[in-house]
Amino acid sequence: MFVPTDFLMVLMVAIWGFNFPVVKYATRIMAPLAYNAMRISLAALVLLVFASVTVRARPTRRQVLLLLGLGVLGNGIYQMVFVGSVVNTDVGIAALLLAASPAFIALLSRAAGLGEISARCALGIALSLAGVALIALTSRVALDGTSTLEGNLLAVLAAVIWAVYVVLQARFVSDVEDTTVAALTLTGGAIPLLIFGFPSLVATHWSALPGDVWLAILYGGIISLALASVFWYRGIRILGATRTGIYLHFEPVFALLAAWIWLHEHPTPMQGVGAVTILAGVTLTHT
């Protein structure tokens, strides 16, 4: 039976799916590092304020340091690779490749001793990885002569990095309130992005940016990262990880729809086969 939180999950995946073309648009006008540094710093600030008001139990110093370190990986390095993939390939393809992350999470969880892999799950992993290979290696040549292969491979790398981050978080930080986890990991991610993005931030003519780019920064920071993260952790708490994770299967659907409407992207037939293979594999991995 659907409950109000289920509708929040649908809204969450729609927000994350629509974020792909938003990132693509913004990084066509401003430097990707500057955009990333701005939106993640904004999200971290919003969640730190929210956590200071709502969180009851304060984390220990060790937990704070662990979460900041995990954030460097999961919201710093990951975001740099993620944006690099969106910049260098079709956003729909990037979304589909990132949708294979549950397969990598299952493999790494098994290696870390956090779970077993059933025969059904193993089949799902195999299908997901086959679909990843099919899409990643079926690169399209753009009108300007460039190839999307680099962006495809960066999307695969981003999926692996995200899987490592999720497994490490489950392995080392499992007794901290969700809002605190989100706030501190975003803060950790903002640190390397501000360092590496500092030259781009200084070189950006902020007053000359069109209003649409400022809206993209606000959407990418407050809506896609801060607000949707609150929805995600509410889903985990009320619906459970398995039921919440199922909704992630629909994220690439929203991304493909948004890319088709706003960017007029059309995947190749072979990439379509890879998309179906990945989505089937992810479904099996979570059932």
Protein backbone atom coordinates (compact mmCIF):
# COMPACT_ATOMS: atom_id res chain seq x y z
CA MET A 1 0.00 0.00 0.00
CA PHE A 2 1.25 3.45 -0.91
CA VAL A 3 1.92 5.86 1.98
CA PRO A 4 2.90 9.56 1.77
CA THR A 5 6.58 8.64 1.92
CA ASP A 6 6.19 6.63 -1.30
CA PHE A 7 5.15 9.79 -3.09
CA LEU A 8 8.22 11.53 -1.68
CA MET A 9 10.33 8.73 -3.19
CA VAL A 10 8.77 9.30 -6.62
CA LEU A 11 9.48 13.01 -6.26
CA MET A 12 13.05 12.24 -5.17
CA VAL A 13 13.92 10.13 -8.22
CA ALA A 14 12.27 12.69 -10.49
CA ILE A 15 14.45 15.41 -8.93
CA TRP A 16 17.59 13.34 -9.40
CA GLY A 17 16.66 12.34 -12.94
CA PHE A 18 15.97 15.92 -14.00
CA ASN A 19 19.25 16.98 -12.40
CA PHE A 20 21.23 15.39 -15.26
CA PRO A 21 20.15 17.88 -17.96
CA VAL A 22 20.37 20.71 -15.41
CA VAL A 23 24.05 19.87 -14.85
CA LYS A 24 24.60 19.56 -18.61
CA TYR A 25 23.10 23.00 -19.22
CA ALA A 26 24.96 24.77 -16.42
CA THR A 27 28.35 23.34 -17.33
CA ARG A 28 27.98 24.55 -20.90
CA ILE A 29 28.02 28.11 -19.57
CA MET A 30 30.28 27.98 -16.52
CA ALA A 31 33.29 25.84 -15.57
CA PRO A 32 32.23 22.41 -14.23
CA LEU A 33 34.49 22.71 -11.17
CA ALA A 34 33.03 26.10 -10.28
CA TYR A 35 29.47 24.83 -10.68
CA ASN A 36 30.15 21.73 -8.60
CA ALA A 37 31.91 23.65 -5.83
CA MET A 38 29.07 26.16 -5.58
CA ARG A 39 26.17 23.69 -5.52
CA ILE A 40 27.73 21.22 -3.08
CA SER A 41 28.94 23.97 -0.73
CA LEU A 42 25.42 25.39 -0.77
CA ALA A 43 23.89 21.97 -0.04
CA ALA A 44 26.37 21.34 2.79
CA LEU A 45 25.58 24.71 4.38
CA VAL A 46 21.83 24.12 4.20
CA LEU A 47 22.07 20.63 5.73
CA LEU A 48 24.51 21.70 8.45
CA VAL A 49 22.02 24.33 9.58
CA PHE A 50 19.15 21.83 9.34
CA ALA A 51 21.09 19.19 11.30
CA SER A 52 22.04 21.67 14.03
CA VAL A 53 18.34 22.32 14.63
CA THR A 54 16.88 18.82 14.28
CA VAL A 55 19.53 16.28 15.30
CA ARG A 56 19.24 15.00 18.88
CA ALA A 57 22.39 12.89 19.29
CA ARG A 58 25.70 14.51 18.43
CA PRO A 59 28.33 12.34 16.70
CA THR A 60 31.67 11.61 18.33
CA ARG A 61 34.86 13.19 17.07
CA ARG A 62 35.85 9.90 15.44
CA GLN A 63 32.51 9.68 13.65
CA VAL A 64 32.81 13.26 12.44
CA LEU A 65 36.27 12.60 10.99
CA LEU A 66 35.11 9.34 9.38
CA LEU A 67 32.10 11.03 7.77
CA LEU A 68 34.18 13.95 6.51
CA GLY A 69 36.67 11.48 5.01
CA LEU A 70 33.89 9.46 3.40
CA GLY A 71 32.45 12.69 2.03
CA VAL A 72 35.70 13.47 0.26
CA LEU A 73 35.19 10.24 -1.68
CA GLY A 74 31.39 10.09 -2.03
CA ASN A 75 30.59 13.77 -2.53
CA GLY A 76 33.95 15.16 -3.63
CA ILE A 77 35.77 12.79 -5.96
CA TYR A 78 32.50 11.20 -7.05
CA GLN A 79 30.94 14.52 -7.99
CA MET A 80 33.97 15.54 -10.05
CA VAL A 81 33.83 12.29 -11.99
CA PHE A 82 30.02 12.43 -12.26
CA VAL A 83 30.02 15.93 -13.74
CA GLY A 84 32.87 14.94 -16.06
CA SER A 85 30.73 12.09 -17.38
CA VAL A 86 27.67 14.31 -17.93
CA VAL A 87 29.80 16.92 -19.72
CA ASN A 88 31.35 14.37 -22.07
CA THR A 89 28.45 12.09 -22.97
CA ASP A 90 24.67 12.12 -23.40
CA VAL A 91 22.97 12.66 -20.05
CA GLY A 92 20.59 9.76 -20.61
CA ILE A 93 23.50 7.39 -21.18
CA ALA A 94 25.31 8.69 -18.08
CA ALA A 95 22.17 8.08 -16.02
CA LEU A 96 21.83 4.52 -17.32
CA LEU A 97 25.47 3.69 -16.61
CA LEU A 98 25.20 5.10 -13.09
CA ALA A 99 22.05 3.02 -12.59
CA ALA A 100 24.30 -0.05 -12.59
CA SER A 101 25.82 0.97 -9.23
CA PRO A 102 23.70 -1.59 -7.26
CA ALA A 103 25.59 -4.36 -9.07
CA PHE A 104 28.92 -2.94 -7.91
CA ILE A 105 27.51 -2.38 -4.41
CA ALA A 106 26.42 -6.04 -4.22
CA LEU A 107 29.86 -7.25 -5.32
CA LEU A 108 31.73 -5.00 -2.91
CA SER A 109 29.35 -5.80 -0.05
CA ARG A 110 30.07 -9.48 -0.56
CA ALA A 111 33.81 -8.81 -0.59
CA ALA A 112 33.49 -6.79 2.64
CA GLY A 113 31.48 -9.53 4.34
CA LEU A 114 28.29 -7.45 4.51
CA GLY A 115 26.02 -9.81 2.63
CA GLU A 116 25.66 -12.86 0.45
CA ILE A 117 24.93 -13.00 -3.27
CA SER A 118 22.07 -15.29 -4.27
CA ALA A 119 21.84 -16.92 -7.69
CA ARG A 120 19.17 -14.38 -8.68
CA CYS A 121 21.36 -11.50 -7.53
CA ALA A 122 24.37 -12.94 -9.39
CA LEU A 123 22.31 -13.06 -12.59
CA GLY A 124 21.29 -9.44 -12.01
CA ILE A 125 24.91 -8.41 -11.54
CA ALA A 126 25.95 -10.20 -14.72
CA LEU A 127 23.16 -8.54 -16.72
CA SER A 128 24.00 -5.11 -15.30
CA LEU A 129 27.69 -5.42 -16.12
CA ALA A 130 26.88 -6.69 -19.61
CA GLY A 131 24.62 -3.71 -20.20
CA VAL A 132 27.32 -1.36 -18.87
CA ALA A 133 29.88 -2.80 -21.26
CA LEU A 134 27.46 -2.56 -24.20
CA ILE A 135 26.59 1.09 -23.54
CA ALA A 136 30.07 2.24 -22.49
CA LEU A 137 31.77 0.78 -25.54
CA THR A 138 29.07 1.89 -28.00
CA SER A 139 30.32 5.46 -28.17
CA ARG A 140 28.63 8.00 -30.37
CA VAL A 141 30.52 10.53 -32.51
CA ALA A 142 29.17 14.05 -32.13
CA LEU A 143 28.80 16.59 -34.91
CA ASP A 144 32.04 18.27 -33.86
CA GLY A 145 33.93 14.99 -34.25
CA THR A 146 34.34 14.24 -30.56
CA SER A 147 33.50 10.85 -29.06
CA THR A 148 31.33 10.08 -26.05
CA LEU A 149 33.58 7.17 -25.02
CA GLU A 150 35.41 9.28 -22.39
CA GLY A 151 32.14 10.33 -20.78
CA ASN A 152 30.84 6.75 -20.85
CA LEU A 153 33.94 5.45 -19.07
CA LEU A 154 33.77 8.27 -16.51
CA ALA A 155 30.15 7.30 -15.78
CA VAL A 156 31.24 3.70 -15.12
CA LEU A 157 34.02 4.98 -12.85
CA ALA A 158 31.49 7.17 -11.02
CA ALA A 159 29.24 4.14 -10.44
CA VAL A 160 32.18 2.21 -8.95
CA ILE A 161 33.21 5.15 -6.72
CA TRP A 162 29.64 5.51 -5.46
CA ALA A 163 29.49 1.79 -4.69
CA VAL A 164 32.75 1.97 -2.70
CA TYR A 165 31.37 4.96 -0.79
CA VAL A 166 28.08 3.22 0.08
CA VAL A 167 29.84 0.05 1.27
CA LEU A 168 32.38 1.97 3.37
CA GLN A 169 29.58 4.00 4.94
CA ALA A 170 27.68 0.83 5.83
CA ARG A 171 30.88 -0.78 7.14
CA PHE A 172 32.16 1.99 9.36
CA VAL A 173 29.31 4.43 10.12
CA SER A 174 26.00 2.77 10.89
CA ASP A 175 24.93 4.39 14.18
CA VAL A 176 24.77 8.09 13.26
CA GLU A 177 21.52 9.94 12.50
CA ASP A 178 20.84 10.18 8.79
CA THR A 179 20.69 13.98 8.65
CA THR A 180 24.10 14.17 10.32
CA VAL A 181 25.52 11.68 7.82
CA ALA A 182 24.20 13.73 4.90
CA ALA A 183 25.41 17.05 6.33
CA LEU A 184 28.93 15.89 7.21
CA THR A 185 29.55 13.87 4.05
CA LEU A 186 28.46 16.83 1.92
CA THR A 187 30.78 19.05 3.95
CA GLY A 188 33.63 16.61 3.37
CA GLY A 189 32.86 16.62 -0.34
CA ALA A 190 32.84 20.41 -0.49
CA ILE A 191 36.42 20.62 0.80
CA PRO A 192 38.27 19.14 -2.25
CA LEU A 193 35.80 20.75 -4.64
CA LEU A 194 36.53 24.20 -3.18
CA ILE A 195 40.28 23.52 -3.31
CA PHE A 196 40.40 22.23 -6.88
CA GLY A 197 37.66 24.57 -8.04
CA PHE A 198 39.18 27.73 -6.52
CA PRO A 199 40.83 28.93 -9.78
CA SER A 200 37.56 28.39 -11.65
CA LEU A 201 35.58 30.14 -8.94
CA VAL A 202 37.88 33.17 -9.09
CA ALA A 203 37.82 33.25 -12.91
CA THR A 204 34.02 33.07 -13.13
CA HIS A 205 32.27 36.35 -13.91
CA TRP A 206 29.42 35.81 -11.47
CA SER A 207 27.58 39.01 -12.30
CA ALA A 208 27.49 38.04 -15.97
CA LEU A 209 25.87 34.64 -15.40
CA PRO A 210 22.31 34.42 -16.74
CA GLY A 211 19.47 33.83 -14.34
CA ASP A 212 18.97 30.29 -15.63
CA VAL A 213 22.44 29.30 -14.43
CA TRP A 214 21.74 30.66 -10.96
CA LEU A 215 18.55 28.59 -10.95
CA ALA A 216 20.64 25.55 -11.99
CA ILE A 217 22.99 26.17 -9.05
CA LEU A 218 20.05 26.44 -6.64
CA TYR A 219 18.37 23.36 -8.11
CA GLY A 220 21.57 21.31 -8.08
CA GLY A 221 22.40 22.33 -4.52
CA ILE A 222 19.26 22.91 -2.49
CA ILE A 223 16.78 20.71 -4.41
CA SER A 224 18.85 17.85 -5.84
CA LEU A 225 21.38 17.44 -3.02
CA ALA A 226 19.95 18.89 0.20
CA LEU A 227 16.18 18.34 -0.14
CA ALA A 228 16.32 15.05 -2.04
CA SER A 229 18.83 13.71 0.50
CA VAL A 230 16.30 14.39 3.27
CA PHE A 231 13.70 12.48 1.24
CA TRP A 232 16.16 9.59 0.72
CA TYR A 233 16.95 9.17 4.40
CA ARG A 234 13.27 9.49 5.33
CA GLY A 235 12.55 6.65 2.91
CA ILE A 236 15.28 4.51 4.43
CA ARG A 237 13.87 5.10 7.93
CA ILE A 238 10.17 4.57 7.14
CA LEU A 239 10.10 2.23 4.13
CA GLY A 240 13.37 0.38 4.65
CA ALA A 241 16.43 0.18 2.43
CA THR A 242 15.06 -2.45 0.04
CA ARG A 243 11.76 -0.72 -0.73
CA THR A 244 13.48 2.68 -1.01
CA GLY A 245 16.19 1.27 -3.28
CA ILE A 246 13.59 0.01 -5.74
CA TYR A 247 12.64 3.59 -6.55
CA LEU A 248 16.17 4.26 -7.84
CA HIS A 249 15.34 2.01 -10.80
CA PHE A 250 13.18 4.84 -12.16
CA GLU A 251 15.84 7.57 -11.97
CA PRO A 252 17.26 6.89 -15.47
CA VAL A 253 13.70 6.86 -16.84
CA PHE A 254 13.22 10.47 -15.69
CA ALA A 255 16.72 11.36 -16.92
CA LEU A 256 16.06 9.91 -20.38
CA LEU A 257 12.70 11.66 -20.58
CA ALA A 258 14.21 15.01 -19.57
CA ALA A 259 17.13 14.58 -21.98
CA TRP A 260 14.73 13.75 -24.82
CA ILE A 261 12.49 16.76 -24.14
CA TRP A 262 15.10 19.41 -23.32
CA LEU A 263 18.26 18.24 -25.07
CA HIS A 264 16.76 16.21 -27.94
CA GLU A 265 18.99 13.23 -27.20
CA HIS A 266 18.31 9.96 -29.01
CA PRO A 267 20.23 6.83 -27.85
CA THR A 268 21.40 4.37 -30.49
CA PRO A 269 19.56 1.02 -30.83
CA MET A 270 22.48 -0.85 -29.22
CA GLN A 271 22.47 1.57 -26.31
CA GLY A 272 18.75 0.92 -25.97
CA VAL A 273 19.47 -2.80 -25.67
CA GLY A 274 22.10 -2.02 -23.04
CA ALA A 275 19.60 0.15 -21.15
CA VAL A 276 17.04 -2.66 -20.96
CA THR A 277 19.78 -5.07 -19.86
CA ILE A 278 20.95 -2.77 -17.06
CA LEU A 279 17.44 -2.08 -15.76
CA ALA A 280 16.61 -5.80 -15.80
CA GLY A 281 19.84 -6.55 -13.97
CA VAL A 282 19.28 -3.87 -11.33
CA THR A 283 15.76 -5.17 -10.75
CA LEU A 284 17.07 -8.71 -10.16
CA THR A 285 19.84 -7.40 -7.90
CA HIS A 286 17.28 -5.80 -5.58
CA THR A 287 14.79 -8.68 -5.47
